[in-house]
Amino acid sequence: MAWRGNEILTPRDRFAVNLRKARRMANVTQEELGVRCDLHRTEVSLLERGGREPRLGTIIKLASALGVTLESLCVGMRWDENGQRYRFKR
């Protein structure tokens, strides 16, 4: 697993970092992103804080609304089938 400071970075945490970065680069508020994706602002906030793991449909909506690829929201993580765990880029 990857680390952020002294914390272990989980897949949902890594997604949260990527989502927040993409939203800020697009200069969009959480509320605006929620409107674009038909999600409540608090859902966007939860996703950006790593409080909820997104469903595939939600990832597709977010990527489309931000004009980024699905891969960019998942950058830095992959499944290691030999070790049966997630791998992260620092």
N, C-alpha and C. Protein backbone atom coordinates (compact mmCIF):
# COMPACT_ATOMS: atom_id res chain seq x y z
N MET A 1 0.83 -1.18 0.00
CA MET A 1 0.00 0.00 0.00
C MET A 1 0.87 1.24 0.00
N ALA A 2 0.33 2.31 -0.50
CA ALA A 2 1.06 3.58 -0.50
C ALA A 2 0.76 4.35 0.77
N TRP A 3 1.60 5.31 1.04
CA TRP A 3 1.44 6.10 2.26
C TRP A 3 1.24 7.56 1.92
N ARG A 4 0.44 8.23 2.72
CA ARG A 4 0.26 9.68 2.65
C ARG A 4 0.58 10.18 4.04
N GLY A 5 1.78 10.76 4.18
CA GLY A 5 2.21 11.13 5.52
C GLY A 5 2.43 9.87 6.32
N ASN A 6 1.73 9.73 7.43
CA ASN A 6 1.81 8.53 8.26
C ASN A 6 0.63 7.59 8.04
N GLU A 7 -0.24 7.92 7.08
CA GLU A 7 -1.44 7.13 6.85
C GLU A 7 -1.25 6.18 5.67
N ILE A 8 -1.89 5.01 5.74
CA ILE A 8 -1.91 4.09 4.61
C ILE A 8 -2.93 4.61 3.60
N LEU A 9 -2.54 4.62 2.33
CA LEU A 9 -3.41 5.09 1.27
C LEU A 9 -4.16 3.90 0.67
N THR A 10 -5.48 3.89 0.82
CA THR A 10 -6.31 2.81 0.27
C THR A 10 -6.74 3.19 -1.15
N PRO A 11 -7.33 2.25 -1.91
CA PRO A 11 -7.81 2.59 -3.25
C PRO A 11 -8.79 3.76 -3.23
N ARG A 12 -9.67 3.79 -2.26
CA ARG A 12 -10.64 4.89 -2.22
C ARG A 12 -9.96 6.20 -1.88
N ASP A 13 -8.90 6.17 -1.05
CA ASP A 13 -8.14 7.38 -0.75
C ASP A 13 -7.41 7.89 -1.99
N ARG A 14 -6.83 6.97 -2.75
CA ARG A 14 -6.11 7.36 -3.98
C ARG A 14 -7.08 7.95 -4.98
N PHE A 15 -8.27 7.35 -5.11
CA PHE A 15 -9.29 7.89 -6.00
C PHE A 15 -9.69 9.30 -5.54
N ALA A 16 -9.83 9.48 -4.24
CA ALA A 16 -10.20 10.79 -3.68
C ALA A 16 -9.19 11.86 -4.06
N VAL A 17 -7.91 11.53 -3.94
CA VAL A 17 -6.85 12.48 -4.31
C VAL A 17 -6.95 12.83 -5.79
N ASN A 18 -7.13 11.82 -6.64
CA ASN A 18 -7.22 12.04 -8.08
C ASN A 18 -8.45 12.87 -8.45
N LEU A 19 -9.58 12.59 -7.82
CA LEU A 19 -10.81 13.32 -8.10
C LEU A 19 -10.69 14.79 -7.69
N ARG A 20 -10.20 15.02 -6.50
CA ARG A 20 -10.04 16.40 -6.01
C ARG A 20 -9.11 17.19 -6.94
N LYS A 21 -8.01 16.56 -7.36
CA LYS A 21 -7.06 17.21 -8.25
C LYS A 21 -7.73 17.55 -9.59
N ALA A 22 -8.46 16.60 -10.15
CA ALA A 22 -9.13 16.82 -11.44
C ALA A 22 -10.19 17.92 -11.34
N ARG A 23 -10.93 17.93 -10.24
CA ARG A 23 -11.97 18.96 -10.07
C ARG A 23 -11.35 20.34 -9.94
N ARG A 24 -10.29 20.43 -9.18
CA ARG A 24 -9.62 21.73 -9.01
C ARG A 24 -8.99 22.21 -10.31
N MET A 25 -8.43 21.30 -11.08
CA MET A 25 -7.83 21.66 -12.38
C MET A 25 -8.91 22.15 -13.34
N ALA A 26 -10.12 21.60 -13.21
CA ALA A 26 -11.23 22.02 -14.06
C ALA A 26 -11.88 23.30 -13.54
N ASN A 27 -11.43 23.74 -12.36
CA ASN A 27 -11.96 24.96 -11.73
C ASN A 27 -13.48 24.86 -11.53
N VAL A 28 -13.90 23.75 -10.94
CA VAL A 28 -15.32 23.47 -10.72
C VAL A 28 -15.53 23.25 -9.23
N THR A 29 -16.62 23.77 -8.69
CA THR A 29 -16.94 23.53 -7.28
C THR A 29 -17.54 22.13 -7.13
N GLN A 30 -17.58 21.65 -5.90
CA GLN A 30 -18.22 20.37 -5.63
C GLN A 30 -19.69 20.43 -6.02
N GLU A 31 -20.33 21.55 -5.73
CA GLU A 31 -21.75 21.69 -6.06
C GLU A 31 -21.97 21.65 -7.57
N GLU A 32 -21.14 22.36 -8.33
CA GLU A 32 -21.25 22.36 -9.79
C GLU A 32 -21.01 20.97 -10.36
N LEU A 33 -20.01 20.28 -9.83
CA LEU A 33 -19.74 18.92 -10.28
C LEU A 33 -20.92 18.01 -9.99
N GLY A 34 -21.51 18.17 -8.82
CA GLY A 34 -22.69 17.38 -8.47
C GLY A 34 -23.83 17.59 -9.45
N VAL A 35 -24.05 18.84 -9.82
CA VAL A 35 -25.11 19.16 -10.79
C VAL A 35 -24.82 18.49 -12.13
N ARG A 36 -23.58 18.59 -12.58
CA ARG A 36 -23.19 17.99 -13.86
C ARG A 36 -23.35 16.48 -13.88
N CYS A 37 -23.18 15.86 -12.72
CA CYS A 37 -23.21 14.39 -12.62
C CYS A 37 -24.51 13.85 -12.06
N ASP A 38 -25.43 14.72 -11.69
CA ASP A 38 -26.66 14.32 -11.04
C ASP A 38 -26.36 13.61 -9.72
N LEU A 39 -25.41 14.20 -8.96
CA LEU A 39 -25.05 13.71 -7.63
C LEU A 39 -25.22 14.86 -6.65
N HIS A 40 -25.53 14.55 -5.43
CA HIS A 40 -25.63 15.59 -4.41
C HIS A 40 -24.22 16.07 -4.06
N ARG A 41 -24.09 17.32 -3.70
CA ARG A 41 -22.81 17.92 -3.33
C ARG A 41 -22.13 17.12 -2.22
N THR A 42 -22.92 16.62 -1.28
CA THR A 42 -22.33 15.85 -0.18
C THR A 42 -21.75 14.53 -0.67
N GLU A 43 -22.30 13.97 -1.72
CA GLU A 43 -21.74 12.74 -2.32
C GLU A 43 -20.38 13.04 -2.91
N VAL A 44 -20.27 14.16 -3.62
CA VAL A 44 -18.98 14.56 -4.19
C VAL A 44 -17.97 14.76 -3.06
N SER A 45 -18.40 15.42 -1.99
CA SER A 45 -17.53 15.65 -0.85
C SER A 45 -17.06 14.33 -0.23
N LEU A 46 -17.97 13.39 -0.06
CA LEU A 46 -17.61 12.08 0.49
C LEU A 46 -16.57 11.37 -0.39
N LEU A 47 -16.76 11.43 -1.69
CA LEU A 47 -15.83 10.80 -2.62
C LEU A 47 -14.46 11.46 -2.54
N GLU A 48 -14.43 12.77 -2.41
CA GLU A 48 -13.16 13.50 -2.35
C GLU A 48 -12.44 13.30 -1.02
N ARG A 49 -13.15 12.91 0.01
CA ARG A 49 -12.52 12.65 1.31
C ARG A 49 -12.22 11.18 1.52
N GLY A 50 -12.58 10.35 0.54
CA GLY A 50 -12.35 8.91 0.67
C GLY A 50 -13.34 8.25 1.59
N GLY A 51 -14.47 8.92 1.82
CA GLY A 51 -15.49 8.39 2.71
C GLY A 51 -16.41 7.38 2.06
N ARG A 52 -16.32 7.27 0.76
CA ARG A 52 -17.17 6.31 0.04
C ARG A 52 -16.41 5.82 -1.18
N GLU A 53 -16.55 4.54 -1.46
CA GLU A 53 -15.94 3.97 -2.66
C GLU A 53 -16.92 4.14 -3.82
N PRO A 54 -16.47 4.74 -4.93
CA PRO A 54 -17.40 5.02 -6.04
C PRO A 54 -17.76 3.78 -6.84
N ARG A 55 -18.95 3.80 -7.38
CA ARG A 55 -19.38 2.75 -8.31
C ARG A 55 -18.87 3.11 -9.70
N LEU A 56 -18.82 2.13 -10.56
CA LEU A 56 -18.32 2.35 -11.91
C LEU A 56 -19.11 3.45 -12.63
N GLY A 57 -20.43 3.42 -12.51
CA GLY A 57 -21.26 4.44 -13.16
C GLY A 57 -20.95 5.84 -12.66
N THR A 58 -20.64 5.96 -11.39
CA THR A 58 -20.29 7.25 -10.81
C THR A 58 -18.95 7.73 -11.35
N ILE A 59 -17.98 6.83 -11.48
CA ILE A 59 -16.68 7.19 -12.02
C ILE A 59 -16.83 7.69 -13.45
N ILE A 60 -17.67 7.02 -14.23
CA ILE A 60 -17.91 7.42 -15.62
C ILE A 60 -18.53 8.82 -15.66
N LYS A 61 -19.53 9.08 -14.83
CA LYS A 61 -20.17 10.40 -14.77
C LYS A 61 -19.16 11.48 -14.40
N LEU A 62 -18.34 11.22 -13.38
CA LEU A 62 -17.37 12.20 -12.92
C LEU A 62 -16.34 12.52 -14.00
N ALA A 63 -15.80 11.48 -14.62
CA ALA A 63 -14.81 11.68 -15.67
C ALA A 63 -15.38 12.50 -16.82
N SER A 64 -16.57 12.16 -17.21
CA SER A 64 -17.22 12.88 -18.31
C SER A 64 -17.46 14.35 -17.96
N ALA A 65 -17.97 14.59 -16.77
CA ALA A 65 -18.27 15.95 -16.33
C ALA A 65 -17.01 16.80 -16.19
N LEU A 66 -15.89 16.17 -15.87
CA LEU A 66 -14.64 16.91 -15.70
C LEU A 66 -13.80 16.95 -16.98
N GLY A 67 -14.23 16.21 -18.00
CA GLY A 67 -13.50 16.19 -19.25
C GLY A 67 -12.17 15.46 -19.14
N VAL A 68 -12.14 14.42 -18.30
CA VAL A 68 -10.92 13.62 -18.12
C VAL A 68 -11.23 12.17 -18.43
N THR A 69 -10.21 11.36 -18.49
CA THR A 69 -10.42 9.93 -18.74
C THR A 69 -10.70 9.19 -17.45
N LEU A 70 -11.30 8.02 -17.58
CA LEU A 70 -11.50 7.15 -16.42
C LEU A 70 -10.15 6.79 -15.80
N GLU A 71 -9.18 6.56 -16.67
CA GLU A 71 -7.86 6.18 -16.21
C GLU A 71 -7.23 7.26 -15.33
N SER A 72 -7.48 8.53 -15.67
CA SER A 72 -6.87 9.61 -14.89
C SER A 72 -7.43 9.66 -13.47
N LEU A 73 -8.65 9.22 -13.29
CA LEU A 73 -9.22 9.19 -11.95
C LEU A 73 -8.72 7.98 -11.15
N CYS A 74 -8.14 7.03 -11.85
CA CYS A 74 -7.65 5.82 -11.19
C CYS A 74 -6.12 5.70 -11.29
N VAL A 75 -5.47 6.76 -11.71
CA VAL A 75 -4.02 6.73 -11.88
C VAL A 75 -3.33 6.44 -10.54
N GLY A 76 -2.26 5.68 -10.63
CA GLY A 76 -1.48 5.40 -9.44
C GLY A 76 -1.91 4.18 -8.67
N MET A 77 -2.87 3.42 -9.19
CA MET A 77 -3.27 2.20 -8.50
C MET A 77 -3.53 1.08 -9.51
N ARG A 78 -3.18 -0.11 -9.09
CA ARG A 78 -3.44 -1.29 -9.92
C ARG A 78 -3.54 -2.50 -9.02
N TRP A 79 -4.11 -3.56 -9.55
CA TRP A 79 -4.25 -4.81 -8.81
C TRP A 79 -3.06 -5.70 -9.13
N ASP A 80 -2.41 -6.21 -8.11
CA ASP A 80 -1.29 -7.13 -8.26
C ASP A 80 -1.85 -8.54 -8.06
N GLU A 81 -2.07 -9.23 -9.17
CA GLU A 81 -2.70 -10.55 -9.05
C GLU A 81 -1.81 -11.58 -8.39
N ASN A 82 -0.51 -11.42 -8.47
CA ASN A 82 0.40 -12.35 -7.80
C ASN A 82 0.36 -12.16 -6.29
N GLY A 83 0.37 -10.92 -5.85
CA GLY A 83 0.35 -10.63 -4.43
C GLY A 83 -1.05 -10.50 -3.87
N GLN A 84 -2.06 -10.56 -4.77
CA GLN A 84 -3.47 -10.44 -4.39
C GLN A 84 -3.72 -9.20 -3.53
N ARG A 85 -3.20 -8.06 -4.00
CA ARG A 85 -3.44 -6.80 -3.30
C ARG A 85 -3.28 -5.65 -4.28
N TYR A 86 -3.70 -4.48 -3.85
CA TYR A 86 -3.55 -3.28 -4.66
C TYR A 86 -2.12 -2.78 -4.60
N ARG A 87 -1.68 -2.19 -5.69
CA ARG A 87 -0.37 -1.53 -5.75
C ARG A 87 -0.60 -0.06 -6.04
N PHE A 88 0.19 0.79 -5.44
CA PHE A 88 0.04 2.23 -5.61
C PHE A 88 1.33 2.88 -5.99
N LYS A 89 1.22 3.93 -6.78
CA LYS A 89 2.34 4.78 -7.10
C LYS A 89 2.40 5.89 -6.08
N ARG A 90 3.55 6.25 -5.65
CA ARG A 90 3.69 7.39 -4.72
C ARG A 90 3.69 8.68 -5.47
